[in-house]
Amino acid sequence: MPIKKGIYDWFCPNRIFFYSIFNMTTVRILENLSFLIGIYLSRNFPKVLNIQKEFMIFAGIFFVMDAYYEWTVKLPAARGTCTFMNIKNDYLVNISRGVFFSASITYFFRPTHIDPPPPADPFSFYEFMMIPQYCVPFAKFLKHTSPTKYKDFVELQEDLAKDRKESIYGIEDTFSEEYEAYRKTVSYKTARKLVEKDANAFYLGVDQS
């Protein structure tokens, strides 16, 4: 206003090369390219974090909206025209992008109930039994090493499934030898790595939220 010039419509003939490089079309190309790079870099991220899915959704929405605007401005009938509520086409595209982006963020960040992962190193045998990654292979271990104890273990699982808490008393002593022997096996070490991996993915998502 002080210099009384139409800044938004200002054009300098000596800067044509600059205009040919730094324009909205170039910005849109770089924007979509950044999404593709983000999708590639997040390929090994834990799936539970939904980071790659977010990149793919945003990239798809922005590509469609950018393609719509880039093609409509090339049509003589669409240049400078208005659509809904006398809003210009390019401004309507930017509004729609903002709405879709906000809706996607709202969807991915909606409150959800998440149970924390089980501990990789159980405090007791009862806690050990509550972890499926440990309980299932331990049952197979008992089946091959101690069939009698295996039957007792199956009955104990059935009682716990029926919420019979009185069955847990004394189980630490009943399976103590087998429990200690199982903790030295490759099966236990493999199961522990899986539990630790799930826990790391969970807490990584919590820390980034």
N, C-alpha and C. Protein backbone atom coordinates (compact mmCIF):
# COMPACT_ATOMS: atom_id res chain seq x y z
N MET A 1 0.81 -1.22 0.00
CA MET A 1 0.00 0.00 0.00
C MET A 1 0.84 1.27 0.00
N PRO A 2 1.96 1.37 0.76
CA PRO A 2 2.73 2.62 0.73
C PRO A 2 3.32 2.94 -0.64
N ILE A 3 3.76 1.92 -1.39
CA ILE A 3 4.37 2.19 -2.68
C ILE A 3 3.34 2.20 -3.80
N LYS A 4 2.08 1.87 -3.46
CA LYS A 4 0.97 1.94 -4.42
C LYS A 4 1.24 1.09 -5.66
N LYS A 5 1.68 -0.15 -5.43
CA LYS A 5 1.88 -1.08 -6.53
C LYS A 5 1.13 -2.37 -6.26
N GLY A 6 0.67 -2.98 -7.32
CA GLY A 6 -0.01 -4.27 -7.17
C GLY A 6 1.00 -5.38 -6.99
N ILE A 7 1.39 -5.60 -5.75
CA ILE A 7 2.47 -6.55 -5.47
C ILE A 7 2.14 -7.95 -5.96
N TYR A 8 0.88 -8.37 -5.77
CA TYR A 8 0.52 -9.74 -6.13
C TYR A 8 0.51 -9.94 -7.64
N ASP A 9 0.35 -8.88 -8.40
CA ASP A 9 0.32 -8.96 -9.86
C ASP A 9 1.62 -8.44 -10.48
N TRP A 10 2.59 -8.15 -9.67
CA TRP A 10 3.82 -7.54 -10.18
C TRP A 10 4.60 -8.55 -11.01
N PHE A 11 5.17 -8.11 -12.09
CA PHE A 11 5.90 -8.98 -13.01
C PHE A 11 7.14 -8.25 -13.51
N CYS A 12 8.28 -8.94 -13.45
CA CYS A 12 9.55 -8.37 -13.92
C CYS A 12 10.03 -9.15 -15.13
N PRO A 13 10.10 -8.55 -16.30
CA PRO A 13 10.53 -9.27 -17.52
C PRO A 13 11.94 -9.83 -17.42
N ASN A 14 12.78 -9.25 -16.58
CA ASN A 14 14.16 -9.72 -16.46
C ASN A 14 14.29 -10.98 -15.61
N ARG A 15 13.20 -11.40 -15.02
CA ARG A 15 13.27 -12.57 -14.12
C ARG A 15 12.43 -13.73 -14.67
N ILE A 16 12.35 -13.84 -15.97
CA ILE A 16 11.54 -14.91 -16.58
C ILE A 16 12.12 -16.28 -16.24
N PHE A 17 13.45 -16.41 -16.26
CA PHE A 17 14.07 -17.69 -15.92
C PHE A 17 13.75 -18.07 -14.47
N PHE A 18 13.77 -17.09 -13.59
CA PHE A 18 13.43 -17.35 -12.19
C PHE A 18 11.98 -17.82 -12.06
N TYR A 19 11.08 -17.17 -12.80
CA TYR A 19 9.67 -17.56 -12.74
C TYR A 19 9.45 -18.96 -13.30
N SER A 20 10.25 -19.34 -14.30
CA SER A 20 10.07 -20.66 -14.92
C SER A 20 10.49 -21.80 -13.99
N ILE A 21 11.33 -21.49 -13.00
CA ILE A 21 11.80 -22.52 -12.06
C ILE A 21 11.02 -22.47 -10.75
N PHE A 22 10.93 -21.27 -10.17
CA PHE A 22 10.28 -21.13 -8.88
C PHE A 22 8.83 -20.69 -9.08
N ASN A 23 7.98 -21.69 -9.22
CA ASN A 23 6.54 -21.43 -9.39
C ASN A 23 5.76 -22.52 -8.68
N MET A 24 4.45 -22.40 -8.65
CA MET A 24 3.61 -23.34 -7.91
C MET A 24 3.67 -24.75 -8.48
N THR A 25 3.86 -24.87 -9.79
CA THR A 25 3.96 -26.20 -10.38
C THR A 25 5.21 -26.92 -9.86
N THR A 26 6.32 -26.19 -9.79
CA THR A 26 7.54 -26.78 -9.26
C THR A 26 7.37 -27.16 -7.79
N VAL A 27 6.70 -26.31 -7.04
CA VAL A 27 6.45 -26.60 -5.63
C VAL A 27 5.63 -27.88 -5.48
N ARG A 28 4.62 -28.04 -6.33
CA ARG A 28 3.78 -29.24 -6.25
C ARG A 28 4.57 -30.49 -6.62
N ILE A 29 5.47 -30.38 -7.60
CA ILE A 29 6.31 -31.52 -7.98
C ILE A 29 7.21 -31.92 -6.82
N LEU A 30 7.84 -30.94 -6.19
CA LEU A 30 8.71 -31.22 -5.05
C LEU A 30 7.92 -31.78 -3.88
N GLU A 31 6.70 -31.29 -3.71
CA GLU A 31 5.85 -31.79 -2.63
C GLU A 31 5.54 -33.27 -2.81
N ASN A 32 5.13 -33.65 -4.00
CA ASN A 32 4.82 -35.06 -4.26
C ASN A 32 6.08 -35.92 -4.23
N LEU A 33 7.20 -35.36 -4.66
CA LEU A 33 8.46 -36.10 -4.59
C LEU A 33 8.86 -36.35 -3.14
N SER A 34 8.64 -35.37 -2.27
CA SER A 34 8.97 -35.55 -0.85
C SER A 34 8.12 -36.64 -0.23
N PHE A 35 6.86 -36.77 -0.66
CA PHE A 35 6.01 -37.84 -0.16
C PHE A 35 6.54 -39.21 -0.60
N LEU A 36 6.98 -39.31 -1.85
CA LEU A 36 7.53 -40.58 -2.34
C LEU A 36 8.79 -40.96 -1.57
N ILE A 37 9.63 -39.97 -1.29
CA ILE A 37 10.84 -40.23 -0.50
C ILE A 37 10.46 -40.68 0.90
N GLY A 38 9.44 -40.03 1.49
CA GLY A 38 8.99 -40.41 2.83
C GLY A 38 8.45 -41.83 2.86
N ILE A 39 7.71 -42.22 1.83
CA ILE A 39 7.19 -43.60 1.76
C ILE A 39 8.33 -44.60 1.70
N TYR A 40 9.37 -44.27 0.93
CA TYR A 40 10.51 -45.18 0.80
C TYR A 40 11.30 -45.28 2.11
N LEU A 41 11.54 -44.14 2.76
CA LEU A 41 12.32 -44.14 3.99
C LEU A 41 11.60 -44.82 5.15
N SER A 42 10.26 -44.83 5.11
CA SER A 42 9.49 -45.42 6.20
C SER A 42 9.12 -46.88 5.94
N ARG A 43 9.73 -47.49 4.95
CA ARG A 43 9.36 -48.86 4.57
C ARG A 43 9.67 -49.86 5.67
N ASN A 44 10.70 -49.60 6.48
CA ASN A 44 11.10 -50.53 7.54
C ASN A 44 10.59 -50.11 8.91
N PHE A 45 9.77 -49.08 8.99
CA PHE A 45 9.22 -48.66 10.27
C PHE A 45 8.20 -49.69 10.75
N PRO A 46 8.01 -49.82 12.06
CA PRO A 46 6.97 -50.74 12.57
C PRO A 46 5.60 -50.39 12.00
N LYS A 47 4.89 -51.41 11.52
CA LYS A 47 3.59 -51.18 10.88
C LYS A 47 2.57 -50.58 11.83
N VAL A 48 2.72 -50.87 13.15
CA VAL A 48 1.73 -50.37 14.10
C VAL A 48 1.76 -48.85 14.22
N LEU A 49 2.83 -48.22 13.76
CA LEU A 49 2.91 -46.76 13.85
C LEU A 49 2.14 -46.06 12.74
N ASN A 50 1.80 -46.77 11.66
CA ASN A 50 1.01 -46.23 10.56
C ASN A 50 1.69 -45.07 9.84
N ILE A 51 3.00 -44.92 9.98
CA ILE A 51 3.68 -43.79 9.35
C ILE A 51 3.65 -43.90 7.84
N GLN A 52 3.96 -45.07 7.31
CA GLN A 52 3.95 -45.23 5.86
C GLN A 52 2.54 -45.08 5.31
N LYS A 53 1.55 -45.56 6.05
CA LYS A 53 0.15 -45.42 5.60
C LYS A 53 -0.24 -43.95 5.53
N GLU A 54 0.21 -43.15 6.49
CA GLU A 54 -0.08 -41.72 6.46
C GLU A 54 0.54 -41.07 5.23
N PHE A 55 1.79 -41.40 4.95
CA PHE A 55 2.46 -40.85 3.77
C PHE A 55 1.69 -41.21 2.49
N MET A 56 1.25 -42.44 2.39
CA MET A 56 0.56 -42.89 1.18
C MET A 56 -0.78 -42.18 1.01
N ILE A 57 -1.51 -41.99 2.09
CA ILE A 57 -2.80 -41.31 2.00
C ILE A 57 -2.61 -39.85 1.61
N PHE A 58 -1.66 -39.17 2.27
CA PHE A 58 -1.42 -37.76 1.95
C PHE A 58 -0.91 -37.60 0.52
N ALA A 59 -0.02 -38.49 0.10
CA ALA A 59 0.51 -38.42 -1.26
C ALA A 59 -0.60 -38.61 -2.28
N GLY A 60 -1.49 -39.57 -2.04
CA GLY A 60 -2.60 -39.79 -2.97
C GLY A 60 -3.55 -38.61 -3.06
N ILE A 61 -3.92 -38.05 -1.90
CA ILE A 61 -4.84 -36.91 -1.88
C ILE A 61 -4.21 -35.70 -2.56
N PHE A 62 -2.96 -35.38 -2.21
CA PHE A 62 -2.31 -34.20 -2.77
C PHE A 62 -2.05 -34.36 -4.26
N PHE A 63 -1.73 -35.57 -4.69
CA PHE A 63 -1.49 -35.78 -6.12
C PHE A 63 -2.77 -35.55 -6.92
N VAL A 64 -3.87 -36.08 -6.44
CA VAL A 64 -5.15 -35.91 -7.15
C VAL A 64 -5.54 -34.43 -7.20
N MET A 65 -5.42 -33.73 -6.08
CA MET A 65 -5.79 -32.32 -6.04
C MET A 65 -4.85 -31.47 -6.91
N ASP A 66 -3.56 -31.77 -6.87
CA ASP A 66 -2.61 -31.03 -7.70
C ASP A 66 -2.85 -31.29 -9.19
N ALA A 67 -3.12 -32.56 -9.52
CA ALA A 67 -3.38 -32.89 -10.92
C ALA A 67 -4.65 -32.17 -11.42
N TYR A 68 -5.67 -32.12 -10.57
CA TYR A 68 -6.90 -31.41 -10.94
C TYR A 68 -6.62 -29.94 -11.24
N TYR A 69 -5.86 -29.29 -10.36
CA TYR A 69 -5.59 -27.87 -10.55
C TYR A 69 -4.70 -27.64 -11.77
N GLU A 70 -3.66 -28.46 -11.94
CA GLU A 70 -2.74 -28.26 -13.05
C GLU A 70 -3.44 -28.42 -14.41
N TRP A 71 -4.42 -29.32 -14.47
CA TRP A 71 -5.11 -29.53 -15.74
C TRP A 71 -6.22 -28.50 -15.97
N THR A 72 -6.90 -28.09 -14.91
CA THR A 72 -7.99 -27.13 -15.10
C THR A 72 -7.48 -25.75 -15.50
N VAL A 73 -6.29 -25.36 -15.00
CA VAL A 73 -5.77 -24.04 -15.38
C VAL A 73 -5.35 -23.99 -16.84
N LYS A 74 -5.18 -25.15 -17.46
CA LYS A 74 -4.81 -25.17 -18.87
C LYS A 74 -6.03 -25.00 -19.78
N LEU A 75 -7.22 -25.15 -19.21
CA LEU A 75 -8.43 -24.99 -20.01
C LEU A 75 -8.84 -23.52 -20.04
N PRO A 76 -9.03 -22.95 -21.21
CA PRO A 76 -9.39 -21.53 -21.29
C PRO A 76 -10.65 -21.20 -20.51
N ALA A 77 -11.61 -22.10 -20.52
CA ALA A 77 -12.88 -21.82 -19.84
C ALA A 77 -12.75 -21.85 -18.33
N ALA A 78 -11.68 -22.48 -17.81
CA ALA A 78 -11.53 -22.63 -16.36
C ALA A 78 -10.62 -21.58 -15.75
N ARG A 79 -9.91 -20.79 -16.57
CA ARG A 79 -8.98 -19.81 -16.04
C ARG A 79 -9.72 -18.66 -15.37
N GLY A 80 -9.40 -18.45 -14.12
CA GLY A 80 -9.99 -17.33 -13.40
C GLY A 80 -11.45 -17.48 -13.08
N THR A 81 -12.01 -18.67 -13.31
CA THR A 81 -13.44 -18.87 -13.02
C THR A 81 -13.63 -19.22 -11.55
N CYS A 82 -14.86 -19.08 -11.12
CA CYS A 82 -15.21 -19.37 -9.74
C CYS A 82 -16.16 -20.56 -9.70
N THR A 83 -16.17 -21.22 -8.57
CA THR A 83 -17.04 -22.40 -8.44
C THR A 83 -17.97 -22.19 -7.26
N PHE A 84 -17.86 -23.06 -6.27
CA PHE A 84 -18.74 -23.05 -5.11
C PHE A 84 -18.55 -21.76 -4.31
N MET A 85 -19.64 -21.04 -4.05
CA MET A 85 -19.65 -19.82 -3.24
C MET A 85 -18.67 -18.78 -3.80
N ASN A 86 -18.59 -18.70 -5.13
CA ASN A 86 -17.73 -17.72 -5.81
C ASN A 86 -16.26 -17.82 -5.40
N ILE A 87 -15.82 -19.04 -5.12
CA ILE A 87 -14.41 -19.27 -4.76
C ILE A 87 -13.66 -19.70 -6.02
N LYS A 88 -12.50 -19.10 -6.24
CA LYS A 88 -11.70 -19.44 -7.42
C LYS A 88 -11.22 -20.89 -7.33
N ASN A 89 -11.01 -21.48 -8.50
CA ASN A 89 -10.66 -22.90 -8.56
C ASN A 89 -9.39 -23.21 -7.76
N ASP A 90 -8.34 -22.41 -7.94
CA ASP A 90 -7.08 -22.72 -7.26
C ASP A 90 -7.23 -22.60 -5.75
N TYR A 91 -7.99 -21.61 -5.29
CA TYR A 91 -8.18 -21.45 -3.86
C TYR A 91 -9.04 -22.59 -3.30
N LEU A 92 -10.03 -23.04 -4.09
CA LEU A 92 -10.87 -24.15 -3.66
C LEU A 92 -10.04 -25.43 -3.52
N VAL A 93 -9.08 -25.61 -4.42
CA VAL A 93 -8.21 -26.78 -4.33
C VAL A 93 -7.39 -26.75 -3.05
N ASN A 94 -6.85 -25.58 -2.71
CA ASN A 94 -6.05 -25.46 -1.48
C ASN A 94 -6.91 -25.67 -0.24
N ILE A 95 -8.14 -25.18 -0.26
CA ILE A 95 -9.04 -25.41 0.87
C ILE A 95 -9.32 -26.90 1.01
N SER A 96 -9.59 -27.58 -0.09
CA SER A 96 -9.88 -29.01 -0.05
C SER A 96 -8.69 -29.80 0.46
N ARG A 97 -7.49 -29.40 0.05
CA ARG A 97 -6.29 -30.08 0.53
C ARG A 97 -6.16 -29.94 2.04
N GLY A 98 -6.41 -28.74 2.53
CA GLY A 98 -6.34 -28.53 3.98
C GLY A 98 -7.36 -29.34 4.74
N VAL A 99 -8.57 -29.45 4.18
CA VAL A 99 -9.63 -30.22 4.84
C VAL A 99 -9.27 -31.70 4.87
N PHE A 100 -8.81 -32.24 3.75
CA PHE A 100 -8.44 -33.65 3.69
C PHE A 100 -7.26 -33.95 4.61
N PHE A 101 -6.29 -33.04 4.65
CA PHE A 101 -5.13 -33.23 5.51
C PHE A 101 -5.55 -33.24 6.98
N SER A 102 -6.39 -32.28 7.37
CA SER A 102 -6.85 -32.21 8.76
C SER A 102 -7.68 -33.44 9.13
N ALA A 103 -8.52 -33.90 8.19
CA ALA A 103 -9.35 -35.08 8.45
C ALA A 103 -8.48 -36.32 8.63
N SER A 104 -7.43 -36.45 7.83
CA SER A 104 -6.55 -37.61 7.94
C SER A 104 -5.78 -37.59 9.25
N ILE A 105 -5.28 -36.42 9.64
CA ILE A 105 -4.57 -36.30 10.91
C ILE A 105 -5.50 -36.64 12.08
N THR A 106 -6.74 -36.14 12.00
CA THR A 106 -7.71 -36.43 13.05
C THR A 106 -7.99 -37.93 13.15
N TYR A 107 -8.05 -38.61 12.01
CA TYR A 107 -8.32 -40.04 11.99
C TYR A 107 -7.18 -40.82 12.63
N PHE A 108 -5.92 -40.50 12.26
CA PHE A 108 -4.79 -41.26 12.76
C PHE A 108 -4.48 -40.95 14.22
N PHE A 109 -4.89 -39.78 14.70
CA PHE A 109 -4.59 -39.41 16.08
C PHE A 109 -5.80 -39.49 16.98
N ARG A 110 -6.81 -40.23 16.56
CA ARG A 110 -7.99 -40.37 17.40
C ARG A 110 -7.65 -41.21 18.64
N PRO A 111 -8.28 -40.95 19.76
CA PRO A 111 -7.96 -41.71 20.99
C PRO A 111 -8.33 -43.19 20.84
N THR A 112 -7.43 -44.03 21.21
CA THR A 112 -7.65 -45.48 21.17
C THR A 112 -7.11 -46.10 22.45
N HIS A 113 -7.75 -47.20 22.83
CA HIS A 113 -7.30 -47.92 24.02
C HIS A 113 -6.26 -48.96 23.61
N ILE A 114 -5.07 -48.84 24.17
CA ILE A 114 -3.98 -49.74 23.83
C ILE A 114 -3.43 -50.36 25.10
N ASP A 115 -3.39 -51.67 25.13
CA ASP A 115 -2.80 -52.37 26.26
C ASP A 115 -1.29 -52.42 26.11
N PRO A 116 -0.55 -52.12 27.16
CA PRO A 116 0.91 -52.16 27.06
C PRO A 116 1.40 -53.58 26.78
N PRO A 117 2.53 -53.71 26.14
CA PRO A 117 3.05 -55.05 25.80
C PRO A 117 3.51 -55.77 27.05
N PRO A 118 3.58 -57.10 27.01
CA PRO A 118 4.05 -57.87 28.17
C PRO A 118 5.55 -57.67 28.36
N PRO A 119 6.04 -57.89 29.57
CA PRO A 119 7.49 -57.73 29.82
C PRO A 119 8.29 -58.85 29.17
N ALA A 120 9.46 -58.51 28.69
CA ALA A 120 10.31 -59.52 28.06
C ALA A 120 10.88 -60.49 29.09
N ASP A 121 11.07 -60.03 30.32
CA ASP A 121 11.59 -60.89 31.39
C ASP A 121 10.54 -61.00 32.49
N PRO A 122 9.70 -62.05 32.45
CA PRO A 122 8.61 -62.18 33.43
C PRO A 122 9.12 -62.22 34.87
N PHE A 123 8.37 -61.60 35.77
CA PHE A 123 8.76 -61.55 37.17
C PHE A 123 8.51 -62.87 37.88
N SER A 124 7.47 -63.59 37.46
CA SER A 124 7.10 -64.85 38.09
C SER A 124 6.59 -65.83 37.03
N PHE A 125 6.39 -67.06 37.44
CA PHE A 125 5.88 -68.07 36.51
C PHE A 125 4.44 -67.75 36.11
N TYR A 126 3.67 -67.21 37.03
CA TYR A 126 2.29 -66.83 36.69
C TYR A 126 2.28 -65.74 35.62
N GLU A 127 3.15 -64.75 35.75
CA GLU A 127 3.26 -63.71 34.73
C GLU A 127 3.74 -64.32 33.41
N PHE A 128 4.61 -65.30 33.51
CA PHE A 128 5.11 -66.01 32.33
C PHE A 128 3.95 -66.69 31.59
N MET A 129 3.03 -67.28 32.34
CA MET A 129 1.90 -67.98 31.74
C MET A 129 0.94 -67.03 31.04
N MET A 130 0.91 -65.77 31.43
CA MET A 130 -0.02 -64.81 30.85
C MET A 130 0.46 -64.25 29.51
N ILE A 131 1.65 -64.65 29.09
CA ILE A 131 2.23 -64.16 27.84
C ILE A 131 2.14 -65.26 26.79
N PRO A 132 1.28 -65.12 25.79
CA PRO A 132 1.10 -66.20 24.78
C PRO A 132 2.39 -66.57 24.07
N GLN A 133 3.28 -65.58 23.81
CA GLN A 133 4.52 -65.87 23.09
C GLN A 133 5.41 -66.84 23.87
N TYR A 134 5.23 -66.88 25.20
CA TYR A 134 6.00 -67.81 26.04
C TYR A 134 5.20 -69.07 26.36
N CYS A 135 3.92 -68.88 26.63
CA CYS A 135 3.10 -69.98 27.12
C CYS A 135 2.95 -71.10 26.09
N VAL A 136 2.71 -70.73 24.84
CA VAL A 136 2.48 -71.75 23.79
C VAL A 136 3.72 -72.62 23.56
N PRO A 137 4.91 -72.04 23.35
CA PRO A 137 6.08 -72.92 23.15
C PRO A 137 6.46 -73.69 24.42
N PHE A 138 6.17 -73.10 25.60
CA PHE A 138 6.47 -73.82 26.84
C PHE A 138 5.60 -75.07 26.97
N ALA A 139 4.36 -74.98 26.52
CA ALA A 139 3.48 -76.15 26.54
C ALA A 139 4.02 -77.25 25.62
N LYS A 140 4.55 -76.87 24.46
CA LYS A 140 5.14 -77.86 23.56
C LYS A 140 6.40 -78.46 24.18
N PHE A 141 7.13 -77.64 24.91
CA PHE A 141 8.34 -78.12 25.59
C PHE A 141 7.98 -79.18 26.64
N LEU A 142 6.92 -78.91 27.40
CA LEU A 142 6.48 -79.87 28.42
C LEU A 142 5.97 -81.16 27.77
N LYS A 143 5.33 -81.03 26.64
CA LYS A 143 4.75 -82.20 25.97
C LYS A 143 5.85 -83.20 25.57
N HIS A 144 7.03 -82.70 25.25
CA HIS A 144 8.11 -83.58 24.83
C HIS A 144 9.00 -84.00 26.00
N THR A 145 9.12 -83.16 26.99
CA THR A 145 10.04 -83.46 28.09
C THR A 145 9.36 -84.10 29.29
N SER A 146 8.12 -83.72 29.54
CA SER A 146 7.42 -84.24 30.73
C SER A 146 5.91 -84.32 30.44
N PRO A 147 5.46 -85.42 29.82
CA PRO A 147 4.04 -85.54 29.47
C PRO A 147 3.10 -85.39 30.66
N THR A 148 3.52 -85.87 31.82
CA THR A 148 2.67 -85.75 33.01
C THR A 148 2.47 -84.29 33.39
N LYS A 149 3.57 -83.56 33.43
CA LYS A 149 3.47 -82.13 33.75
C LYS A 149 2.70 -81.38 32.66
N TYR A 150 2.79 -81.89 31.44
CA TYR A 150 2.06 -81.24 30.33
C TYR A 150 0.56 -81.29 30.58
N LYS A 151 0.06 -82.43 31.04
CA LYS A 151 -1.38 -82.55 31.33
C LYS A 151 -1.79 -81.60 32.45
N ASP A 152 -0.94 -81.50 33.48
CA ASP A 152 -1.24 -80.57 34.58
C ASP A 152 -1.24 -79.12 34.07
N PHE A 153 -0.34 -78.85 33.16
CA PHE A 153 -0.25 -77.49 32.62
C PHE A 153 -1.49 -77.15 31.80
N VAL A 154 -1.99 -78.11 31.02
CA VAL A 154 -3.19 -77.88 30.23
C VAL A 154 -4.39 -77.64 31.15
N GLU A 155 -4.50 -78.42 32.20
CA GLU A 155 -5.60 -78.24 33.16
C GLU A 155 -5.49 -76.87 33.85
N LEU A 156 -4.27 -76.47 34.14
CA LEU A 156 -4.07 -75.17 34.77
C LEU A 156 -4.51 -74.04 33.83
N GLN A 157 -4.21 -74.18 32.57
CA GLN A 157 -4.63 -73.17 31.59
C GLN A 157 -6.15 -73.10 31.49
N GLU A 158 -6.79 -74.26 31.53
CA GLU A 158 -8.25 -74.28 31.47
C GLU A 158 -8.86 -73.60 32.70
N ASP A 159 -8.27 -73.84 33.87
CA ASP A 159 -8.78 -73.20 35.09
C ASP A 159 -8.61 -71.69 35.03
N LEU A 160 -7.47 -71.26 34.54
CA LEU A 160 -7.25 -69.82 34.44
C LEU A 160 -8.17 -69.18 33.40
N ALA A 161 -8.46 -69.92 32.34
CA ALA A 161 -9.39 -69.41 31.33
C ALA A 161 -10.79 -69.24 31.90
N LYS A 162 -11.13 -70.08 32.88
CA LYS A 162 -12.44 -69.99 33.54
C LYS A 162 -12.38 -69.10 34.78
N ASP A 163 -11.26 -68.38 34.93
CA ASP A 163 -11.08 -67.42 36.03
C ASP A 163 -11.09 -68.10 37.39
N ARG A 164 -10.51 -69.26 37.47
CA ARG A 164 -10.37 -69.96 38.75
C ARG A 164 -9.02 -69.62 39.35
N LYS A 165 -8.96 -68.54 40.06
CA LYS A 165 -7.70 -68.01 40.57
C LYS A 165 -7.05 -68.94 41.62
N GLU A 166 -7.86 -69.78 42.26
CA GLU A 166 -7.28 -70.63 43.30
C GLU A 166 -6.30 -71.64 42.72
N SER A 167 -6.33 -71.85 41.41
CA SER A 167 -5.44 -72.84 40.81
C SER A 167 -4.01 -72.35 40.68
N ILE A 168 -3.76 -71.07 40.89
CA ILE A 168 -2.42 -70.54 40.68
C ILE A 168 -1.51 -70.78 41.88
N TYR A 169 -2.08 -71.13 43.03
CA TYR A 169 -1.26 -71.33 44.22
C TYR A 169 -0.39 -72.58 44.07
N GLY A 170 0.88 -72.41 44.27
CA GLY A 170 1.80 -73.54 44.21
C GLY A 170 2.33 -73.86 42.83
N ILE A 171 1.91 -73.14 41.80
CA ILE A 171 2.37 -73.48 40.45
C ILE A 171 3.84 -73.16 40.26
N GLU A 172 4.38 -72.19 41.03
CA GLU A 172 5.79 -71.85 40.91
C GLU A 172 6.66 -73.05 41.25
N ASP A 173 6.28 -73.79 42.32
CA ASP A 173 7.04 -74.97 42.72
C ASP A 173 6.77 -76.16 41.81
N THR A 174 5.57 -76.26 41.29
CA THR A 174 5.19 -77.41 40.47
C THR A 174 6.00 -77.48 39.18
N PHE A 175 6.20 -76.34 38.55
CA PHE A 175 6.88 -76.33 37.25
C PHE A 175 8.24 -75.62 37.32
N SER A 176 8.81 -75.51 38.51
CA SER A 176 10.05 -74.75 38.67
C SER A 176 11.21 -75.34 37.87
N GLU A 177 11.38 -76.67 37.92
CA GLU A 177 12.49 -77.30 37.21
C GLU A 177 12.33 -77.15 35.70
N GLU A 178 11.11 -77.43 35.22
CA GLU A 178 10.86 -77.32 33.78
C GLU A 178 10.97 -75.86 33.30
N TYR A 179 10.54 -74.96 34.16
CA TYR A 179 10.59 -73.53 33.82
C TYR A 179 12.04 -73.07 33.66
N GLU A 180 12.90 -73.46 34.61
CA GLU A 180 14.30 -73.08 34.54
C GLU A 180 14.99 -73.73 33.34
N ALA A 181 14.61 -74.98 33.05
CA ALA A 181 15.20 -75.67 31.90
C ALA A 181 14.77 -75.02 30.59
N TYR A 182 13.52 -74.59 30.52
CA TYR A 182 13.02 -73.97 29.30
C TYR A 182 13.69 -72.61 29.04
N ARG A 183 14.00 -71.88 30.09
CA ARG A 183 14.63 -70.57 29.94
C ARG A 183 16.03 -70.66 29.33
N LYS A 184 16.60 -71.85 29.29
CA LYS A 184 17.93 -72.04 28.71
C LYS A 184 17.87 -72.51 27.26
N THR A 185 16.67 -72.71 26.73
CA THR A 185 16.52 -73.22 25.37
C THR A 185 16.54 -72.10 24.34
N VAL A 186 16.77 -72.50 23.09
CA VAL A 186 16.74 -71.56 21.97
C VAL A 186 15.32 -71.04 21.75
N SER A 187 14.33 -71.88 22.03
CA SER A 187 12.93 -71.49 21.87
C SER A 187 12.59 -70.28 22.74
N TYR A 188 13.07 -70.31 23.98
CA TYR A 188 12.80 -69.19 24.89
C TYR A 188 13.50 -67.92 24.41
N LYS A 189 14.74 -68.05 23.96
CA LYS A 189 15.48 -66.88 23.49
C LYS A 189 14.82 -66.27 22.25
N THR A 190 14.32 -67.13 21.37
CA THR A 190 13.63 -66.63 20.18
C THR A 190 12.34 -65.92 20.56
N ALA A 191 11.57 -66.55 21.47
CA ALA A 191 10.32 -65.92 21.92
C ALA A 191 10.59 -64.59 22.61
N ARG A 192 11.66 -64.52 23.36
CA ARG A 192 12.00 -63.27 24.06
C ARG A 192 12.32 -62.16 23.07
N LYS A 193 13.02 -62.50 21.99
CA LYS A 193 13.33 -61.49 20.97
C LYS A 193 12.06 -60.95 20.34
N LEU A 194 11.08 -61.83 20.11
CA LEU A 194 9.81 -61.39 19.54
C LEU A 194 9.06 -60.47 20.50
N VAL A 195 9.06 -60.81 21.78
CA VAL A 195 8.40 -59.97 22.78
C VAL A 195 9.09 -58.61 22.87
N GLU A 196 10.42 -58.60 22.86
CA GLU A 196 11.16 -57.34 22.92
C GLU A 196 10.92 -56.49 21.68
N LYS A 197 10.80 -57.13 20.53
CA LYS A 197 10.54 -56.41 19.29
C LYS A 197 9.18 -55.73 19.34
N ASP A 198 8.16 -56.44 19.81
CA ASP A 198 6.82 -55.85 19.94
C ASP A 198 6.82 -54.70 20.94
N ALA A 199 7.57 -54.87 22.03
CA ALA A 199 7.62 -53.81 23.05
C ALA A 199 8.32 -52.57 22.50
N ASN A 200 9.40 -52.76 21.75
CA ASN A 200 10.12 -51.62 21.17
C ASN A 200 9.23 -50.85 20.20
N ALA A 201 8.47 -51.58 19.37
CA ALA A 201 7.55 -50.93 18.43
C ALA A 201 6.47 -50.15 19.17
N PHE A 202 5.97 -50.73 20.25
CA PHE A 202 4.92 -50.06 21.02
C PHE A 202 5.43 -48.77 21.65
N TYR A 203 6.55 -48.84 22.35
CA TYR A 203 7.05 -47.67 23.05
C TYR A 203 7.61 -46.63 22.09
N LEU A 204 8.04 -47.06 20.91
CA LEU A 204 8.44 -46.08 19.90
C LEU A 204 7.24 -45.27 19.45
N GLY A 205 6.10 -45.95 19.29
CA GLY A 205 4.88 -45.22 18.92
C GLY A 205 4.41 -44.30 20.02
N VAL A 206 4.57 -44.71 21.29
CA VAL A 206 4.16 -43.87 22.41
C VAL A 206 5.05 -42.63 22.51
N ASP A 207 6.36 -42.82 22.32
CA ASP A 207 7.30 -41.71 22.43
C ASP A 207 7.09 -40.69 21.32
N GLN A 208 6.66 -41.15 20.14
CA GLN A 208 6.48 -40.24 19.03
C GLN A 208 5.11 -39.58 19.02
N SER A 209 4.20 -40.03 19.90
CA SER A 209 2.85 -39.48 19.91
C SER A 209 2.78 -38.21 20.75
